[in-house]
């Protein structure tokens, strides 16, 4: 096992090539340990060099609606009246902390998705 830090795009490409070879290695084996370490190193490099912008909370809500086959009317217990739901879904009203809590608890949308842009 010859593992070293990933400091460049060339190092990253080499790490991905090795990852392809190791893919599917059993946990607890030398290859499995190498796979796990490479995964952490790749993730660290990508987090530093390719940061992901926070997701749009409304897109997170719409995604969950699509997943569960929900309509705007189904959001009323979490957001409020149909007019308020429409305002939120059309980016005309921001989510309140109460709405965020209810959407998280009722629809299982992660807080980090709902809070982006609020705080």
PDB file of N, CA and C in Angstrom:
ATOM      1  N   UNK A   1       0.860  -1.162   0.000  1.00  0.00           N
ATOM      2  CA  UNK A   1       0.000   0.000   0.000  1.00  0.00           C
ATOM      3  C   UNK A   1       0.910   1.229   0.000  1.00  0.00           C
ATOM      4  N   UNK A   2       0.807   2.012  -1.069  1.00  0.00           N
ATOM      5  CA  UNK A   2       1.630   3.219  -1.227  1.00  0.00           C
ATOM      6  C   UNK A   2       0.687   4.413  -1.332  1.00  0.00           C
ATOM      7  N   UNK A   3       0.286   4.952  -0.186  1.00  0.00           N
ATOM      8  CA  UNK A   3      -0.675   6.050  -0.162  1.00  0.00           C
ATOM      9  C   UNK A   3       0.048   7.335   0.199  1.00  0.00           C
ATOM     10  N   UNK A   4      -0.291   8.396  -0.552  1.00  0.00           N
ATOM     11  CA  UNK A   4       0.279   9.711  -0.269  1.00  0.00           C
ATOM     12  C   UNK A   4      -0.817  10.763  -0.471  1.00  0.00           C
ATOM     13  N   UNK A   5      -0.598  11.961   0.052  1.00  0.00           N
ATOM     14  CA  UNK A   5      -1.615  13.012  -0.078  1.00  0.00           C
ATOM     15  C   UNK A   5      -1.902  13.334  -1.546  1.00  0.00           C
ATOM     16  N   UNK A   6      -3.103  13.798  -1.791  1.00  0.00           N
ATOM     17  CA  UNK A   6      -3.493  14.238  -3.133  1.00  0.00           C
ATOM     18  C   UNK A   6      -3.297  15.748  -3.161  1.00  0.00           C
ATOM     19  N   UNK A   7      -2.368  16.212  -4.002  1.00  0.00           N
ATOM     20  CA  UNK A   7      -2.031  17.640  -4.035  1.00  0.00           C
ATOM     21  C   UNK A   7      -2.267  18.281  -5.401  1.00  0.00           C
ATOM     22  N   UNK A   8      -2.577  17.475  -6.400  1.00  0.00           N
ATOM     23  CA  UNK A   8      -2.748  18.022  -7.746  1.00  0.00           C
ATOM     24  C   UNK A   8      -3.802  17.205  -8.491  1.00  0.00           C
ATOM     25  N   UNK A   9      -4.178  17.720  -9.653  1.00  0.00           N
ATOM     26  CA  UNK A   9      -5.131  16.995 -10.498  1.00  0.00           C
ATOM     27  C   UNK A   9      -4.536  15.670 -10.972  1.00  0.00           C
ATOM     28  N   UNK A  10      -3.231  15.635 -11.184  1.00  0.00           N
ATOM     29  CA  UNK A  10      -2.573  14.381 -11.587  1.00  0.00           C
ATOM     30  C   UNK A  10      -2.633  13.360 -10.462  1.00  0.00           C
ATOM     31  N   UNK A  11      -2.408  13.826  -9.225  1.00  0.00           N
ATOM     32  CA  UNK A  11      -2.526  12.934  -8.070  1.00  0.00           C
ATOM     33  C   UNK A  11      -3.954  12.404  -7.958  1.00  0.00           C
ATOM     34  N   UNK A  12      -4.914  13.294  -8.217  1.00  0.00           N
ATOM     35  CA  UNK A  12      -6.324  12.902  -8.145  1.00  0.00           C
ATOM     36  C   UNK A  12      -6.645  11.839  -9.193  1.00  0.00           C
ATOM     37  N   UNK A  13      -6.157  12.049 -10.408  1.00  0.00           N
ATOM     38  CA  UNK A  13      -6.399  11.072 -11.483  1.00  0.00           C
ATOM     39  C   UNK A  13      -5.788   9.714 -11.123  1.00  0.00           C
ATOM     40  N   UNK A  14      -4.600   9.733 -10.551  1.00  0.00           N
ATOM     41  CA  UNK A  14      -3.958   8.482 -10.152  1.00  0.00           C
ATOM     42  C   UNK A  14      -4.750   7.798  -9.030  1.00  0.00           C
ATOM     43  N   UNK A  15      -5.264   8.596  -8.096  1.00  0.00           N
ATOM     44  CA  UNK A  15      -6.059   8.037  -7.000  1.00  0.00           C
ATOM     45  C   UNK A  15      -7.343   7.400  -7.540  1.00  0.00           C
ATOM     46  N   UNK A  16      -7.981   8.049  -8.511  1.00  0.00           N
ATOM     47  CA  UNK A  16      -9.192   7.471  -9.105  1.00  0.00           C
ATOM     48  C   UNK A  16      -8.869   6.180  -9.863  1.00  0.00           C
ATOM     49  N   UNK A  17      -7.747   6.153 -10.548  1.00  0.00           N
ATOM     50  CA  UNK A  17      -7.352   4.939 -11.268  1.00  0.00           C
ATOM     51  C   UNK A  17      -7.145   3.784 -10.292  1.00  0.00           C
ATOM     52  N   UNK A  18      -6.495   4.079  -9.184  1.00  0.00           N
ATOM     53  CA  UNK A  18      -6.274   3.031  -8.169  1.00  0.00           C
ATOM     54  C   UNK A  18      -7.592   2.620  -7.523  1.00  0.00           C
ATOM     55  N   UNK A  19      -8.469   3.596  -7.314  1.00  0.00           N
ATOM     56  CA  UNK A  19      -9.788   3.322  -6.739  1.00  0.00           C
ATOM     57  C   UNK A  19     -10.556   2.327  -7.620  1.00  0.00           C
ATOM     58  N   UNK A  20     -10.471   2.516  -8.944  1.00  0.00           N
ATOM     59  CA  UNK A  20     -11.140   1.595  -9.869  1.00  0.00           C
ATOM     60  C   UNK A  20     -10.631   0.165  -9.687  1.00  0.00           C
ATOM     61  N   UNK A  21      -9.334   0.028  -9.479  1.00  0.00           N
ATOM     62  CA  UNK A  21      -8.738  -1.308  -9.298  1.00  0.00           C
ATOM     63  C   UNK A  21      -9.223  -1.939  -7.992  1.00  0.00           C
ATOM     64  N   UNK A  22      -9.323  -1.108  -6.950  1.00  0.00           N
ATOM     65  CA  UNK A  22      -9.662  -1.612  -5.620  1.00  0.00           C
ATOM     66  C   UNK A  22     -11.166  -1.763  -5.382  1.00  0.00           C
ATOM     67  N   UNK A  23     -11.968  -1.212  -6.266  1.00  0.00           N
ATOM     68  CA  UNK A  23     -13.416  -1.187  -6.042  1.00  0.00           C
ATOM     69  C   UNK A  23     -13.958  -2.583  -5.758  1.00  0.00           C
ATOM     70  N   UNK A  24     -14.720  -2.704  -4.689  1.00  0.00           N
ATOM     71  CA  UNK A  24     -15.319  -3.982  -4.320  1.00  0.00           C
ATOM     72  C   UNK A  24     -14.468  -4.801  -3.365  1.00  0.00           C
ATOM     73  N   UNK A  25     -13.320  -4.258  -2.960  1.00  0.00           N
ATOM     74  CA  UNK A  25     -12.461  -4.986  -2.017  1.00  0.00           C
ATOM     75  C   UNK A  25     -13.196  -5.174  -0.688  1.00  0.00           C
ATOM     76  N   UNK A  26     -12.967  -6.304  -0.060  1.00  0.00           N
ATOM     77  CA  UNK A  26     -13.641  -6.611   1.208  1.00  0.00           C
ATOM     78  C   UNK A  26     -13.064  -5.782   2.350  1.00  0.00           C
ATOM     79  N   UNK A  27     -13.967  -5.349   3.244  1.00  0.00           N
ATOM     80  CA  UNK A  27     -13.544  -4.612   4.431  1.00  0.00           C
ATOM     81  C   UNK A  27     -12.618  -5.463   5.280  1.00  0.00           C
ATOM     82  N   UNK A  28     -11.642  -4.814   5.891  1.00  0.00           N
ATOM     83  CA  UNK A  28     -10.742  -5.536   6.771  1.00  0.00           C
ATOM     84  C   UNK A  28      -9.543  -6.151   6.075  1.00  0.00           C
ATOM     85  N   UNK A  29      -9.536  -6.110   4.742  1.00  0.00           N
ATOM     86  CA  UNK A  29      -8.374  -6.602   4.010  1.00  0.00           C
ATOM     87  C   UNK A  29      -7.446  -5.429   3.726  1.00  0.00           C
ATOM     88  N   UNK A  30      -6.232  -5.712   3.291  1.00  0.00           N
ATOM     89  CA  UNK A  30      -5.294  -4.640   2.955  1.00  0.00           C
ATOM     90  C   UNK A  30      -5.873  -3.777   1.824  1.00  0.00           C
ATOM     91  N   UNK A  31      -6.467  -4.428   0.826  1.00  0.00           N
ATOM     92  CA  UNK A  31      -7.062  -3.689  -0.284  1.00  0.00           C
ATOM     93  C   UNK A  31      -8.265  -2.868   0.185  1.00  0.00           C
ATOM     94  N   UNK A  32      -9.062  -3.438   1.081  1.00  0.00           N
ATOM     95  CA  UNK A  32     -10.211  -2.718   1.626  1.00  0.00           C
ATOM     96  C   UNK A  32      -9.788  -1.495   2.421  1.00  0.00           C
ATOM     97  N   UNK A  33      -8.722  -1.630   3.193  1.00  0.00           N
ATOM     98  CA  UNK A  33      -8.191  -0.485   3.947  1.00  0.00           C
ATOM     99  C   UNK A  33      -7.684   0.594   3.002  1.00  0.00           C
ATOM    100  N   UNK A  34      -6.987   0.182   1.962  1.00  0.00           N
ATOM    101  CA  UNK A  34      -6.479   1.142   0.981  1.00  0.00           C
ATOM    102  C   UNK A  34      -7.627   1.858   0.287  1.00  0.00           C
ATOM    103  N   UNK A  35      -8.663   1.124  -0.059  1.00  0.00           N
ATOM    104  CA  UNK A  35      -9.851   1.712  -0.687  1.00  0.00           C
ATOM    105  C   UNK A  35     -10.478   2.766   0.229  1.00  0.00           C
ATOM    106  N   UNK A  36     -10.607   2.436   1.494  1.00  0.00           N
ATOM    107  CA  UNK A  36     -11.211   3.367   2.450  1.00  0.00           C
ATOM    108  C   UNK A  36     -10.371   4.636   2.601  1.00  0.00           C
ATOM    109  N   UNK A  37      -9.070   4.490   2.692  1.00  0.00           N
ATOM    110  CA  UNK A  37      -8.178   5.640   2.843  1.00  0.00           C
ATOM    111  C   UNK A  37      -8.203   6.507   1.581  1.00  0.00           C
ATOM    112  N   UNK A  38      -8.164   5.890   0.414  1.00  0.00           N
ATOM    113  CA  UNK A  38      -8.212   6.645  -0.840  1.00  0.00           C
ATOM    114  C   UNK A  38      -9.516   7.431  -0.952  1.00  0.00           C
ATOM    115  N   UNK A  39     -10.603   6.825  -0.539  1.00  0.00           N
ATOM    116  CA  UNK A  39     -11.893   7.500  -0.596  1.00  0.00           C
ATOM    117  C   UNK A  39     -11.885   8.764   0.256  1.00  0.00           C
ATOM    118  N   UNK A  40     -11.315   8.681   1.449  1.00  0.00           N
ATOM    119  CA  UNK A  40     -11.231   9.845   2.341  1.00  0.00           C
ATOM    120  C   UNK A  40     -10.347  10.929   1.722  1.00  0.00           C
ATOM    121  N   UNK A  41      -9.212  10.526   1.163  1.00  0.00           N
ATOM    122  CA  UNK A  41      -8.308  11.495   0.551  1.00  0.00           C
ATOM    123  C   UNK A  41      -8.941  12.194  -0.652  1.00  0.00           C
ATOM    124  N   UNK A  42      -9.635  11.429  -1.481  1.00  0.00           N
ATOM    125  CA  UNK A  42     -10.308  12.005  -2.647  1.00  0.00           C
ATOM    126  C   UNK A  42     -11.393  12.974  -2.195  1.00  0.00           C
ATOM    127  N   UNK A  43     -12.176  12.575  -1.212  1.00  0.00           N
ATOM    128  CA  UNK A  43     -13.246  13.438  -0.714  1.00  0.00           C
ATOM    129  C   UNK A  43     -12.671  14.749  -0.160  1.00  0.00           C
ATOM    130  N   UNK A  44     -11.589  14.666   0.589  1.00  0.00           N
ATOM    131  CA  UNK A  44     -10.951  15.859   1.159  1.00  0.00           C
ATOM    132  C   UNK A  44     -10.467  16.785   0.044  1.00  0.00           C
ATOM    133  N   UNK A  45      -9.813  16.247  -0.954  1.00  0.00           N
ATOM    134  CA  UNK A  45      -9.318  17.059  -2.071  1.00  0.00           C
ATOM    135  C   UNK A  45     -10.481  17.727  -2.804  1.00  0.00           C
ATOM    136  N   UNK A  46     -11.520  16.962  -3.095  1.00  0.00           N
ATOM    137  CA  UNK A  46     -12.662  17.519  -3.822  1.00  0.00           C
ATOM    138  C   UNK A  46     -13.392  18.579  -3.004  1.00  0.00           C
ATOM    139  N   UNK A  47     -13.523  18.377  -1.701  1.00  0.00           N
ATOM    140  CA  UNK A  47     -14.162  19.382  -0.852  1.00  0.00           C
ATOM    141  C   UNK A  47     -13.394  20.697  -0.878  1.00  0.00           C
ATOM    142  N   UNK A  48     -12.067  20.616  -0.898  1.00  0.00           N
ATOM    143  CA  UNK A  48     -11.239  21.819  -0.904  1.00  0.00           C
ATOM    144  C   UNK A  48     -11.207  22.502  -2.269  1.00  0.00           C
ATOM    145  N   UNK A  49     -11.209  21.724  -3.347  1.00  0.00           N
ATOM    146  CA  UNK A  49     -11.027  22.297  -4.676  1.00  0.00           C
ATOM    147  C   UNK A  49     -12.308  22.427  -5.506  1.00  0.00           C
ATOM    148  N   UNK A  50     -13.342  21.739  -5.120  1.00  0.00           N
ATOM    149  CA  UNK A  50     -14.612  21.793  -5.850  1.00  0.00           C
ATOM    150  C   UNK A  50     -15.771  21.931  -4.864  1.00  0.00           C
ATOM    151  N   UNK A  51     -15.816  23.036  -4.124  1.00  0.00           N
ATOM    152  CA  UNK A  51     -16.892  23.179  -3.129  1.00  0.00           C
ATOM    153  C   UNK A  51     -18.261  23.231  -3.799  1.00  0.00           C
ATOM    154  N   UNK A  52     -19.216  22.618  -3.128  1.00  0.00           N
ATOM    155  CA  UNK A  52     -20.590  22.601  -3.635  1.00  0.00           C
ATOM    156  C   UNK A  52     -21.356  23.764  -3.030  1.00  0.00           C
ATOM    157  N   UNK A  53     -22.031  24.562  -3.856  1.00  0.00           N
ATOM    158  CA  UNK A  53     -22.839  25.641  -3.289  1.00  0.00           C
ATOM    159  C   UNK A  53     -24.033  25.044  -2.558  1.00  0.00           C
ATOM    160  N   UNK A  54     -24.546  25.761  -1.565  1.00  0.00           N
ATOM    161  CA  UNK A  54     -25.713  25.226  -0.855  1.00  0.00           C
ATOM    162  C   UNK A  54     -26.899  25.082  -1.799  1.00  0.00           C
ATOM    163  N   UNK A  55     -27.704  24.073  -1.553  1.00  0.00           N
ATOM    164  CA  UNK A  55     -28.866  23.845  -2.410  1.00  0.00           C
ATOM    165  C   UNK A  55     -29.956  24.856  -2.082  1.00  0.00           C
ATOM    166  N   UNK A  56     -30.830  25.067  -3.018  1.00  0.00           N
ATOM    167  CA  UNK A  56     -31.966  25.967  -2.847  1.00  0.00           C
ATOM    168  C   UNK A  56     -33.032  25.233  -2.032  1.00  0.00           C
ATOM    169  N   UNK A  57     -33.473  25.801  -0.909  1.00  0.00           N
ATOM    170  CA  UNK A  57     -34.469  25.127  -0.074  1.00  0.00           C
ATOM    171  C   UNK A  57     -35.759  24.801  -0.829  1.00  0.00           C
ATOM    172  N   UNK A  58     -36.161  25.684  -1.725  1.00  0.00           N
ATOM    173  CA  UNK A  58     -37.405  25.445  -2.471  1.00  0.00           C
ATOM    174  C   UNK A  58     -37.236  24.263  -3.410  1.00  0.00           C
ATOM    175  N   UNK A  59     -36.060  24.143  -4.010  1.00  0.00           N
ATOM    176  CA  UNK A  59     -35.800  22.981  -4.868  1.00  0.00           C
ATOM    177  C   UNK A  59     -35.810  21.696  -4.053  1.00  0.00           C
ATOM    178  N   UNK A  60     -35.336  21.758  -2.816  1.00  0.00           N
ATOM    179  CA  UNK A  60     -35.376  20.579  -1.937  1.00  0.00           C
ATOM    180  C   UNK A  60     -36.823  20.182  -1.651  1.00  0.00           C
ATOM    181  N   UNK A  61     -37.673  21.178  -1.424  1.00  0.00           N
ATOM    182  CA  UNK A  61     -39.099  20.907  -1.175  1.00  0.00           C
ATOM    183  C   UNK A  61     -39.741  20.312  -2.425  1.00  0.00           C
ATOM    184  N   UNK A  62     -39.472  20.918  -3.577  1.00  0.00           N
ATOM    185  CA  UNK A  62     -40.057  20.419  -4.832  1.00  0.00           C
ATOM    186  C   UNK A  62     -39.565  18.999  -5.147  1.00  0.00           C
ATOM    187  N   UNK A  63     -38.310  18.732  -4.833  1.00  0.00           N
ATOM    188  CA  UNK A  63     -37.770  17.382  -5.042  1.00  0.00           C
ATOM    189  C   UNK A  63     -38.533  16.375  -4.184  1.00  0.00           C
ATOM    190  N   UNK A  64     -38.749  16.715  -2.903  1.00  0.00           N
ATOM    191  CA  UNK A  64     -39.482  15.813  -2.014  1.00  0.00           C
ATOM    192  C   UNK A  64     -40.926  15.657  -2.486  1.00  0.00           C
ATOM    193  N   UNK A  65     -41.534  16.743  -2.959  1.00  0.00           N
ATOM    194  CA  UNK A  65     -42.896  16.650  -3.489  1.00  0.00           C
ATOM    195  C   UNK A  65     -42.943  15.663  -4.651  1.00  0.00           C
ATOM    196  N   UNK A  66     -41.973  15.770  -5.539  1.00  0.00           N
ATOM    197  CA  UNK A  66     -41.912  14.876  -6.691  1.00  0.00           C
ATOM    198  C   UNK A  66     -41.708  13.428  -6.248  1.00  0.00           C
ATOM    199  N   UNK A  67     -40.820  13.212  -5.273  1.00  0.00           N
ATOM    200  CA  UNK A  67     -40.554  11.868  -4.765  1.00  0.00           C
ATOM    201  C   UNK A  67     -41.806  11.220  -4.190  1.00  0.00           C
ATOM    202  N   UNK A  68     -42.583  12.018  -3.447  1.00  0.00           N
ATOM    203  CA  UNK A  68     -43.729  11.461  -2.731  1.00  0.00           C
ATOM    204  C   UNK A  68     -45.056  11.709  -3.436  1.00  0.00           C
ATOM    205  N   UNK A  69     -45.016  12.294  -4.622  1.00  0.00           N
ATOM    206  CA  UNK A  69     -46.240  12.560  -5.367  1.00  0.00           C
ATOM    207  C   UNK A  69     -47.156  13.556  -4.663  1.00  0.00           C
ATOM    208  N   UNK A  70     -46.563  14.560  -4.032  1.00  0.00           N
ATOM    209  CA  UNK A  70     -47.340  15.546  -3.284  1.00  0.00           C
ATOM    210  C   UNK A  70     -47.740  16.720  -4.173  1.00  0.00           C
ATOM    211  N   UNK A  71     -48.821  17.355  -3.818  1.00  0.00           N
ATOM    212  CA  UNK A  71     -49.276  18.569  -4.490  1.00  0.00           C
ATOM    213  C   UNK A  71     -49.040  19.750  -3.547  1.00  0.00           C
ATOM    214  N   UNK A  72     -49.127  20.972  -4.058  1.00  0.00           N
ATOM    215  CA  UNK A  72     -48.992  22.131  -3.169  1.00  0.00           C
ATOM    216  C   UNK A  72     -49.977  22.089  -1.996  1.00  0.00           C
ATOM    217  N   UNK A  73     -51.157  21.564  -2.219  1.00  0.00           N
ATOM    218  CA  UNK A  73     -52.148  21.470  -1.139  1.00  0.00           C
ATOM    219  C   UNK A  73     -51.629  20.588   0.007  1.00  0.00           C
ATOM    220  N   UNK A  74     -50.833  19.583  -0.324  1.00  0.00           N
ATOM    221  CA  UNK A  74     -50.282  18.704   0.703  1.00  0.00           C
ATOM    222  C   UNK A  74     -49.275  19.419   1.605  1.00  0.00           C
ATOM    223  N   UNK A  75     -48.774  20.577   1.165  1.00  0.00           N
ATOM    224  CA  UNK A  75     -47.809  21.334   1.953  1.00  0.00           C
ATOM    225  C   UNK A  75     -48.462  22.275   2.968  1.00  0.00           C
ATOM    226  N   UNK A  76     -49.767  22.462   2.870  1.00  0.00           N
ATOM    227  CA  UNK A  76     -50.452  23.410   3.747  1.00  0.00           C
ATOM    228  C   UNK A  76     -50.247  23.132   5.236  1.00  0.00           C
ATOM    229  N   UNK A  77     -50.236  21.875   5.701  1.00  0.00           N
ATOM    230  CA  UNK A  77     -49.996  21.657   7.132  1.00  0.00           C
ATOM    231  C   UNK A  77     -48.593  22.105   7.586  1.00  0.00           C
ATOM    232  N   UNK A  78     -47.672  22.197   6.661  1.00  0.00           N
ATOM    233  CA  UNK A  78     -46.295  22.535   7.002  1.00  0.00           C
ATOM    234  C   UNK A  78     -45.995  24.018   6.788  1.00  0.00           C
ATOM    235  N   UNK A  79     -46.652  24.631   5.800  1.00  0.00           N
ATOM    236  CA  UNK A  79     -46.329  26.013   5.420  1.00  0.00           C
ATOM    237  C   UNK A  79     -47.452  26.985   5.764  1.00  0.00           C
ATOM    238  N   UNK A  80     -48.683  26.575   5.590  1.00  0.00           N
ATOM    239  CA  UNK A  80     -49.810  27.465   5.862  1.00  0.00           C
ATOM    240  C   UNK A  80     -50.809  27.430   4.722  1.00  0.00           C
ATOM    241  N   UNK A  81     -51.526  28.516   4.563  1.00  0.00           N
ATOM    242  CA  UNK A  81     -52.586  28.593   3.557  1.00  0.00           C
ATOM    243  C   UNK A  81     -52.062  28.339   2.150  1.00  0.00           C
ATOM    244  N   UNK A  82     -52.999  28.089   1.228  1.00  0.00           N
ATOM    245  CA  UNK A  82     -52.604  27.821  -0.156  1.00  0.00           C
ATOM    246  C   UNK A  82     -51.870  29.015  -0.745  1.00  0.00           C
ATOM    247  N   UNK A  83     -52.280  30.212  -0.370  1.00  0.00           N
ATOM    248  CA  UNK A  83     -51.592  31.414  -0.850  1.00  0.00           C
ATOM    249  C   UNK A  83     -50.161  31.478  -0.362  1.00  0.00           C
ATOM    250  N   UNK A  84     -49.961  31.131   0.900  1.00  0.00           N
ATOM    251  CA  UNK A  84     -48.610  31.139   1.462  1.00  0.00           C
ATOM    252  C   UNK A  84     -47.758  30.057   0.797  1.00  0.00           C
ATOM    253  N   UNK A  85     -48.318  28.881   0.569  1.00  0.00           N
ATOM    254  CA  UNK A  85     -47.584  27.806  -0.113  1.00  0.00           C
ATOM    255  C   UNK A  85     -47.145  28.290  -1.489  1.00  0.00           C
ATOM    256  N   UNK A  86     -48.055  28.932  -2.214  1.00  0.00           N
ATOM    257  CA  UNK A  86     -47.739  29.441  -3.544  1.00  0.00           C
ATOM    258  C   UNK A  86     -46.618  30.477  -3.484  1.00  0.00           C
ATOM    259  N   UNK A  87     -46.677  31.369  -2.511  1.00  0.00           N
ATOM    260  CA  UNK A  87     -45.630  32.386  -2.368  1.00  0.00           C
ATOM    261  C   UNK A  87     -44.276  31.740  -2.094  1.00  0.00           C
ATOM    262  N   UNK A  88     -44.257  30.746  -1.226  1.00  0.00           N
ATOM    263  CA  UNK A  88     -42.998  30.065  -0.902  1.00  0.00           C
ATOM    264  C   UNK A  88     -42.458  29.341  -2.133  1.00  0.00           C
ATOM    265  N   UNK A  89     -43.305  28.575  -2.809  1.00  0.00           N
ATOM    266  CA  UNK A  89     -42.846  27.796  -3.963  1.00  0.00           C
ATOM    267  C   UNK A  89     -42.402  28.677  -5.129  1.00  0.00           C
ATOM    268  N   UNK A  90     -42.882  29.920  -5.169  1.00  0.00           N
ATOM    269  CA  UNK A  90     -42.507  30.856  -6.237  1.00  0.00           C
ATOM    270  C   UNK A  90     -41.437  31.849  -5.782  1.00  0.00           C
ATOM    271  N   UNK A  91     -40.777  31.548  -4.670  1.00  0.00           N
ATOM    272  CA  UNK A  91     -39.691  32.379  -4.132  1.00  0.00           C
ATOM    273  C   UNK A  91     -40.133  33.798  -3.785  1.00  0.00           C
ATOM    274  N   UNK A  92     -41.407  34.002  -3.468  1.00  0.00           N
ATOM    275  CA  UNK A  92     -41.886  35.324  -3.097  1.00  0.00           C
ATOM    276  C   UNK A  92     -41.939  35.500  -1.587  1.00  0.00           C
ATOM    277  N   UNK A  93     -41.821  34.409  -0.852  1.00  0.00           N
ATOM    278  CA  UNK A  93     -41.803  34.443   0.611  1.00  0.00           C
ATOM    279  C   UNK A  93     -40.741  33.464   1.077  1.00  0.00           C
ATOM    280  N   UNK A  94     -39.949  33.903   2.057  1.00  0.00           N
ATOM    281  CA  UNK A  94     -38.930  33.009   2.619  1.00  0.00           C
ATOM    282  C   UNK A  94     -39.563  32.066   3.629  1.00  0.00           C
ATOM    283  N   UNK A  95     -38.906  30.953   3.827  1.00  0.00           N
ATOM    284  CA  UNK A  95     -39.348  30.000   4.841  1.00  0.00           C
ATOM    285  C   UNK A  95     -39.082  30.576   6.228  1.00  0.00           C
ATOM    286  N   UNK A  96     -40.039  30.432   7.123  1.00  0.00           N
ATOM    287  CA  UNK A  96     -39.813  30.809   8.513  1.00  0.00           C
ATOM    288  C   UNK A  96     -39.191  29.614   9.235  1.00  0.00           C
ATOM    289  N   UNK A  97     -38.660  29.851  10.417  1.00  0.00           N
ATOM    290  CA  UNK A  97     -38.089  28.749  11.177  1.00  0.00           C
ATOM    291  C   UNK A  97     -39.146  27.709  11.540  1.00  0.00           C
ATOM    292  N   UNK A  98     -40.376  28.162  11.800  1.00  0.00           N
ATOM    293  CA  UNK A  98     -41.468  27.219  12.078  1.00  0.00           C
ATOM    294  C   UNK A  98     -41.767  26.332  10.874  1.00  0.00           C
ATOM    295  N   UNK A  99     -41.802  26.938   9.697  1.00  0.00           N
ATOM    296  CA  UNK A  99     -42.044  26.157   8.474  1.00  0.00           C
ATOM    297  C   UNK A  99     -40.930  25.133   8.277  1.00  0.00           C
ATOM    298  N   UNK A 100     -39.694  25.584   8.501  1.00  0.00           N
ATOM    299  CA  UNK A 100     -38.544  24.697   8.328  1.00  0.00           C
ATOM    300  C   UNK A 100     -38.656  23.505   9.272  1.00  0.00           C
ATOM    301  N   UNK A 101     -38.983  23.766  10.521  1.00  0.00           N
ATOM    302  CA  UNK A 101     -39.113  22.686  11.502  1.00  0.00           C
ATOM    303  C   UNK A 101     -40.204  21.713  11.093  1.00  0.00           C
ATOM    304  N   UNK A 102     -41.362  22.246  10.681  1.00  0.00           N
ATOM    305  CA  UNK A 102     -42.480  21.366  10.295  1.00  0.00           C
ATOM    306  C   UNK A 102     -42.150  20.573   9.025  1.00  0.00           C
ATOM    307  N   UNK A 103     -41.491  21.195   8.054  1.00  0.00           N
ATOM    308  CA  UNK A 103     -41.111  20.476   6.830  1.00  0.00           C
ATOM    309  C   UNK A 103     -40.100  19.370   7.138  1.00  0.00           C
ATOM    310  N   UNK A 104     -39.180  19.670   8.036  1.00  0.00           N
ATOM    311  CA  UNK A 104     -38.208  18.656   8.428  1.00  0.00           C
ATOM    312  C   UNK A 104     -38.890  17.484   9.127  1.00  0.00           C
ATOM    313  N   UNK A 105     -39.730  17.796  10.099  1.00  0.00           N
ATOM    314  CA  UNK A 105     -40.385  16.736  10.870  1.00  0.00           C
ATOM    315  C   UNK A 105     -41.431  15.979  10.055  1.00  0.00           C
ATOM    316  N   UNK A 106     -42.163  16.692   9.213  1.00  0.00           N
ATOM    317  CA  UNK A 106     -43.250  16.059   8.475  1.00  0.00           C
ATOM    318  C   UNK A 106     -42.841  15.379   7.186  1.00  0.00           C
ATOM    319  N   UNK A 107     -41.865  15.964   6.489  1.00  0.00           N
ATOM    320  CA  UNK A 107     -41.473  15.417   5.187  1.00  0.00           C
ATOM    321  C   UNK A 107     -40.051  14.871   5.183  1.00  0.00           C
ATOM    322  N   UNK A 108     -39.392  14.955   6.339  1.00  0.00           N
ATOM    323  CA  UNK A 108     -38.043  14.400   6.468  1.00  0.00           C
ATOM    324  C   UNK A 108     -37.031  15.070   5.540  1.00  0.00           C
ATOM    325  N   UNK A 109     -37.206  16.362   5.291  1.00  0.00           N
ATOM    326  CA  UNK A 109     -36.237  17.105   4.490  1.00  0.00           C
ATOM    327  C   UNK A 109     -35.135  17.558   5.452  1.00  0.00           C
ATOM    328  N   UNK A 110     -33.878  17.274   5.158  1.00  0.00           N
ATOM    329  CA  UNK A 110     -32.796  17.646   6.083  1.00  0.00           C
ATOM    330  C   UNK A 110     -32.759  19.151   6.357  1.00  0.00           C
ATOM    331  N   UNK A 111     -32.477  19.483   7.614  1.00  0.00           N
ATOM    332  CA  UNK A 111     -32.381  20.889   8.003  1.00  0.00           C
ATOM    333  C   UNK A 111     -31.389  21.644   7.130  1.00  0.00           C
ATOM    334  N   UNK A 112     -30.242  21.032   6.837  1.00  0.00           N
ATOM    335  CA  UNK A 112     -29.225  21.748   6.068  1.00  0.00           C
ATOM    336  C   UNK A 112     -29.727  22.153   4.691  1.00  0.00           C
ATOM    337  N   UNK A 113     -30.636  21.392   4.119  1.00  0.00           N
ATOM    338  CA  UNK A 113     -31.221  21.758   2.826  1.00  0.00           C
ATOM    339  C   UNK A 113     -32.210  22.915   2.974  1.00  0.00           C
ATOM    340  N   UNK A 114     -32.948  22.907   4.058  1.00  0.00           N
ATOM    341  CA  UNK A 114     -33.972  23.930   4.262  1.00  0.00           C
ATOM    342  C   UNK A 114     -33.409  25.250   4.781  1.00  0.00           C
ATOM    343  N   UNK A 115     -32.280  25.190   5.464  1.00  0.00           N
ATOM    344  CA  UNK A 115     -31.719  26.388   6.079  1.00  0.00           C
ATOM    345  C   UNK A 115     -30.788  27.165   5.162  1.00  0.00           C
ATOM    346  N   UNK A 116     -30.396  26.608   4.051  1.00  0.00           N
ATOM    347  CA  UNK A 116     -29.468  27.315   3.186  1.00  0.00           C
ATOM    348  C   UNK A 116     -30.114  28.608   2.700  1.00  0.00           C
ATOM    349  N   UNK A 117     -29.382  29.708   2.911  1.00  0.00           N
ATOM    350  CA  UNK A 117     -29.899  31.014   2.507  1.00  0.00           C
ATOM    351  C   UNK A 117     -30.737  31.690   3.554  1.00  0.00           C
ATOM    352  N   UNK A 118     -31.132  30.970   4.625  1.00  0.00           N
ATOM    353  CA  UNK A 118     -31.972  31.556   5.669  1.00  0.00           C
ATOM    354  C   UNK A 118     -31.100  32.186   6.737  1.00  0.00           C
ATOM    355  N   UNK A 119     -30.057  31.490   7.140  1.00  0.00           N
ATOM    356  CA  UNK A 119     -29.174  31.992   8.207  1.00  0.00           C
ATOM    357  C   UNK A 119     -27.857  32.442   7.621  1.00  0.00           C
TER     358      UNK A 119
END
